[in-house]
């Protein structure tokens, strides 16, 4: 665990991939009924991996919502899945 008491730095890459994320349909993203549109939930890396392994037709209408109100569409998710620093 990193703490500021011991003056340890945070691992930004680790935090990026381990943030909470959900996969939702495009129409549910940002709507009042958002909670009912969540298809999958887990870490950001898990959601990217899941979308990266889906057939293109299945992921076409999906969005990853990462904590901090950031949305990733299918093309962005696929690019992240192919990155050299993507966790295995």
N, C-alpha and C. Protein backbone atom coordinates (compact mmCIF):
# COMPACT_ATOMS: atom_id res chain seq x y z
N UNK A 1 0.84 -1.18 0.00
CA UNK A 1 0.00 0.00 0.00
C UNK A 1 0.89 1.24 0.00
N UNK A 2 0.56 2.18 -0.81
CA UNK A 2 1.31 3.44 -0.85
C UNK A 2 0.70 4.44 0.11
N UNK A 3 1.56 5.14 0.81
CA UNK A 3 1.06 6.16 1.73
C UNK A 3 1.90 7.41 1.60
N UNK A 4 1.33 8.51 1.95
CA UNK A 4 2.09 9.76 1.96
C UNK A 4 2.91 9.87 3.24
N UNK A 5 2.58 9.09 4.25
CA UNK A 5 3.34 9.12 5.50
C UNK A 5 4.77 8.65 5.25
N UNK A 6 4.92 7.61 4.44
CA UNK A 6 6.24 7.09 4.13
C UNK A 6 6.83 7.74 2.87
N UNK A 7 6.14 8.70 2.32
CA UNK A 7 6.58 9.41 1.11
C UNK A 7 6.74 8.47 -0.07
N UNK A 8 5.87 7.46 -0.17
CA UNK A 8 5.89 6.55 -1.30
C UNK A 8 5.05 7.13 -2.43
N UNK A 9 5.49 6.96 -3.63
CA UNK A 9 4.73 7.46 -4.76
C UNK A 9 3.65 6.46 -5.16
N UNK A 10 2.63 6.98 -5.79
CA UNK A 10 1.56 6.11 -6.29
C UNK A 10 1.94 5.61 -7.66
N UNK A 11 1.51 4.41 -7.98
CA UNK A 11 1.76 3.83 -9.30
C UNK A 11 0.59 4.21 -10.20
N UNK A 12 0.77 5.24 -11.01
CA UNK A 12 -0.30 5.76 -11.86
C UNK A 12 -0.86 4.73 -12.82
N UNK A 13 0.00 3.89 -13.41
CA UNK A 13 -0.47 2.87 -14.35
C UNK A 13 -1.34 1.85 -13.63
N UNK A 14 -0.93 1.47 -12.43
CA UNK A 14 -1.70 0.51 -11.64
C UNK A 14 -3.08 1.08 -11.30
N UNK A 15 -3.10 2.34 -10.88
CA UNK A 15 -4.36 2.98 -10.54
C UNK A 15 -5.28 3.10 -11.76
N UNK A 16 -4.70 3.42 -12.92
CA UNK A 16 -5.47 3.58 -14.15
C UNK A 16 -6.23 2.30 -14.49
N UNK A 17 -5.54 1.18 -14.48
CA UNK A 17 -6.16 -0.09 -14.87
C UNK A 17 -7.07 -0.66 -13.78
N UNK A 18 -6.87 -0.28 -12.53
CA UNK A 18 -7.66 -0.85 -11.43
C UNK A 18 -8.82 0.02 -10.98
N UNK A 19 -9.04 1.15 -11.62
CA UNK A 19 -10.22 1.96 -11.33
C UNK A 19 -11.48 1.14 -11.62
N UNK A 20 -12.56 1.49 -10.95
CA UNK A 20 -13.84 0.82 -11.20
C UNK A 20 -14.40 1.27 -12.55
N UNK A 21 -15.03 0.34 -13.26
CA UNK A 21 -15.65 0.66 -14.54
C UNK A 21 -16.85 -0.24 -14.77
N UNK A 22 -17.72 0.20 -15.66
CA UNK A 22 -18.89 -0.59 -16.06
C UNK A 22 -19.01 -0.56 -17.57
N UNK A 23 -19.67 -1.58 -18.10
CA UNK A 23 -20.04 -1.59 -19.51
C UNK A 23 -21.54 -1.38 -19.57
N UNK A 24 -21.94 -0.37 -20.34
CA UNK A 24 -23.36 -0.04 -20.50
C UNK A 24 -23.67 0.12 -21.98
N UNK A 25 -24.95 0.08 -22.31
CA UNK A 25 -25.36 0.35 -23.68
C UNK A 25 -25.25 1.85 -23.93
N UNK A 26 -25.10 2.22 -25.18
CA UNK A 26 -24.99 3.65 -25.53
C UNK A 26 -26.20 4.44 -25.03
N UNK A 27 -27.38 3.86 -25.18
CA UNK A 27 -28.58 4.62 -24.78
C UNK A 27 -28.70 4.76 -23.27
N UNK A 28 -28.12 3.85 -22.50
CA UNK A 28 -28.18 3.95 -21.03
C UNK A 28 -27.11 4.89 -20.48
N UNK A 29 -26.05 5.11 -21.22
CA UNK A 29 -24.93 5.93 -20.73
C UNK A 29 -25.40 7.34 -20.41
N UNK A 30 -25.21 7.74 -19.18
CA UNK A 30 -25.54 9.09 -18.75
C UNK A 30 -27.02 9.36 -18.53
N UNK A 31 -27.86 8.35 -18.68
CA UNK A 31 -29.29 8.57 -18.50
C UNK A 31 -29.69 8.41 -17.03
N UNK A 32 -30.90 8.80 -16.72
CA UNK A 32 -31.43 8.68 -15.37
C UNK A 32 -31.52 7.21 -14.96
N UNK A 33 -31.78 6.33 -15.90
CA UNK A 33 -31.92 4.90 -15.63
C UNK A 33 -30.60 4.15 -15.83
N UNK A 34 -29.51 4.86 -15.68
CA UNK A 34 -28.18 4.29 -15.91
C UNK A 34 -27.95 2.97 -15.17
N UNK A 35 -28.31 2.90 -13.91
CA UNK A 35 -28.05 1.71 -13.10
C UNK A 35 -28.70 0.46 -13.67
N UNK A 36 -29.82 0.64 -14.36
CA UNK A 36 -30.51 -0.51 -14.95
C UNK A 36 -29.86 -0.95 -16.26
N UNK A 37 -29.00 -0.11 -16.83
CA UNK A 37 -28.36 -0.43 -18.10
C UNK A 37 -26.97 -1.03 -17.96
N UNK A 38 -26.50 -1.23 -16.72
CA UNK A 38 -25.16 -1.81 -16.51
C UNK A 38 -25.20 -3.29 -16.87
N UNK A 39 -24.33 -3.66 -17.83
CA UNK A 39 -24.25 -5.05 -18.27
C UNK A 39 -23.15 -5.82 -17.54
N UNK A 40 -22.03 -5.13 -17.29
CA UNK A 40 -20.88 -5.73 -16.60
C UNK A 40 -20.24 -4.68 -15.71
N UNK A 41 -19.61 -5.14 -14.64
CA UNK A 41 -18.96 -4.23 -13.70
C UNK A 41 -17.69 -4.89 -13.18
N UNK A 42 -16.64 -4.09 -13.01
CA UNK A 42 -15.37 -4.61 -12.48
C UNK A 42 -14.29 -3.57 -12.61
N UNK A 43 -13.03 -4.01 -12.69
CA UNK A 43 -11.95 -3.05 -12.89
C UNK A 43 -11.94 -2.60 -14.34
N UNK A 44 -11.28 -1.48 -14.58
CA UNK A 44 -11.19 -0.96 -15.94
C UNK A 44 -10.50 -1.99 -16.85
N UNK A 45 -9.44 -2.62 -16.36
CA UNK A 45 -8.73 -3.63 -17.16
C UNK A 45 -9.66 -4.79 -17.53
N UNK A 46 -10.48 -5.23 -16.58
CA UNK A 46 -11.43 -6.32 -16.86
C UNK A 46 -12.45 -5.93 -17.93
N UNK A 47 -12.94 -4.70 -17.86
CA UNK A 47 -13.94 -4.25 -18.83
C UNK A 47 -13.32 -4.08 -20.22
N UNK A 48 -12.09 -3.57 -20.28
CA UNK A 48 -11.40 -3.43 -21.57
C UNK A 48 -11.14 -4.81 -22.16
N UNK A 49 -10.69 -5.75 -21.33
CA UNK A 49 -10.43 -7.12 -21.78
C UNK A 49 -11.73 -7.75 -22.32
N UNK A 50 -12.80 -7.57 -21.60
CA UNK A 50 -14.09 -8.14 -22.02
C UNK A 50 -14.53 -7.58 -23.37
N UNK A 51 -14.45 -6.26 -23.53
CA UNK A 51 -14.84 -5.67 -24.81
C UNK A 51 -13.86 -6.03 -25.92
N UNK A 52 -12.58 -6.14 -25.58
CA UNK A 52 -11.58 -6.49 -26.58
C UNK A 52 -11.76 -7.88 -27.15
N UNK A 53 -12.33 -8.77 -26.36
CA UNK A 53 -12.54 -10.15 -26.80
C UNK A 53 -13.91 -10.38 -27.45
N UNK A 54 -14.77 -9.37 -27.40
CA UNK A 54 -16.10 -9.49 -28.02
C UNK A 54 -16.01 -9.36 -29.53
N UNK A 55 -16.91 -10.02 -30.25
CA UNK A 55 -17.01 -9.77 -31.69
C UNK A 55 -17.39 -8.30 -31.92
N UNK A 56 -16.95 -7.75 -33.01
CA UNK A 56 -17.18 -6.33 -33.30
C UNK A 56 -18.66 -5.98 -33.25
N UNK A 57 -19.51 -6.82 -33.77
CA UNK A 57 -20.96 -6.54 -33.78
C UNK A 57 -21.53 -6.45 -32.37
N UNK A 58 -21.00 -7.26 -31.44
CA UNK A 58 -21.50 -7.26 -30.06
C UNK A 58 -21.09 -6.00 -29.29
N UNK A 59 -19.91 -5.47 -29.59
CA UNK A 59 -19.44 -4.30 -28.83
C UNK A 59 -19.82 -2.98 -29.46
N UNK A 60 -20.41 -3.00 -30.64
CA UNK A 60 -20.69 -1.77 -31.40
C UNK A 60 -21.56 -0.77 -30.63
N UNK A 61 -22.50 -1.22 -29.85
CA UNK A 61 -23.42 -0.32 -29.13
C UNK A 61 -23.11 -0.22 -27.64
N UNK A 62 -21.88 -0.57 -27.25
CA UNK A 62 -21.51 -0.54 -25.84
C UNK A 62 -20.50 0.55 -25.55
N UNK A 63 -20.46 0.97 -24.30
CA UNK A 63 -19.54 1.99 -23.82
C UNK A 63 -19.00 1.54 -22.47
N UNK A 64 -17.71 1.80 -22.25
CA UNK A 64 -17.14 1.59 -20.92
C UNK A 64 -17.19 2.93 -20.20
N UNK A 65 -17.77 2.92 -19.01
CA UNK A 65 -17.79 4.11 -18.16
C UNK A 65 -16.81 3.86 -17.03
N UNK A 66 -15.74 4.67 -17.00
CA UNK A 66 -14.70 4.55 -15.98
C UNK A 66 -14.96 5.58 -14.90
N UNK A 67 -14.59 5.24 -13.65
CA UNK A 67 -14.79 6.22 -12.59
C UNK A 67 -14.11 7.52 -12.96
N UNK A 68 -14.73 8.60 -12.59
CA UNK A 68 -14.26 9.92 -12.99
C UNK A 68 -15.03 10.42 -14.20
N UNK A 69 -16.12 9.77 -14.53
CA UNK A 69 -17.01 10.17 -15.63
C UNK A 69 -16.34 10.16 -16.99
N UNK A 70 -15.43 9.24 -17.22
CA UNK A 70 -14.79 9.10 -18.53
C UNK A 70 -15.44 7.95 -19.28
N UNK A 71 -15.79 8.18 -20.54
CA UNK A 71 -16.42 7.16 -21.38
C UNK A 71 -15.46 6.71 -22.47
N UNK A 72 -15.43 5.42 -22.73
CA UNK A 72 -14.60 4.84 -23.79
C UNK A 72 -15.51 4.06 -24.73
N UNK A 73 -15.50 4.43 -25.99
CA UNK A 73 -16.28 3.72 -27.00
C UNK A 73 -15.56 2.45 -27.44
N UNK A 74 -16.18 1.68 -28.33
CA UNK A 74 -15.59 0.42 -28.78
C UNK A 74 -14.21 0.58 -29.41
N UNK A 75 -14.00 1.60 -30.22
CA UNK A 75 -12.70 1.78 -30.88
C UNK A 75 -11.61 2.09 -29.85
N UNK A 76 -11.92 2.95 -28.89
CA UNK A 76 -10.94 3.27 -27.84
C UNK A 76 -10.62 2.05 -26.99
N UNK A 77 -11.64 1.27 -26.65
CA UNK A 77 -11.44 0.07 -25.84
C UNK A 77 -10.53 -0.92 -26.57
N UNK A 78 -10.72 -1.07 -27.85
CA UNK A 78 -9.90 -1.99 -28.64
C UNK A 78 -8.45 -1.50 -28.71
N UNK A 79 -8.25 -0.19 -28.85
CA UNK A 79 -6.89 0.36 -28.85
C UNK A 79 -6.20 0.09 -27.50
N UNK A 80 -6.93 0.28 -26.41
CA UNK A 80 -6.37 0.02 -25.09
C UNK A 80 -6.03 -1.45 -24.91
N UNK A 81 -6.88 -2.33 -25.42
CA UNK A 81 -6.69 -3.78 -25.32
C UNK A 81 -5.40 -4.21 -26.03
N UNK A 82 -5.04 -3.50 -27.08
CA UNK A 82 -3.86 -3.84 -27.88
C UNK A 82 -2.57 -3.17 -27.39
N UNK A 83 -2.67 -2.30 -26.38
CA UNK A 83 -1.49 -1.59 -25.88
C UNK A 83 -0.48 -2.55 -25.25
N UNK A 84 0.78 -2.21 -25.39
CA UNK A 84 1.86 -3.04 -24.85
C UNK A 84 1.81 -3.10 -23.32
N UNK A 85 1.31 -2.04 -22.68
CA UNK A 85 1.27 -2.03 -21.20
C UNK A 85 -0.05 -2.55 -20.63
N UNK A 86 -0.89 -3.16 -21.49
CA UNK A 86 -2.16 -3.70 -21.00
C UNK A 86 -1.85 -4.88 -20.07
N UNK A 87 -2.42 -4.89 -18.85
CA UNK A 87 -2.14 -5.97 -17.91
C UNK A 87 -2.72 -7.31 -18.39
N UNK A 88 -1.94 -8.34 -18.21
CA UNK A 88 -2.38 -9.68 -18.64
C UNK A 88 -3.32 -10.32 -17.70
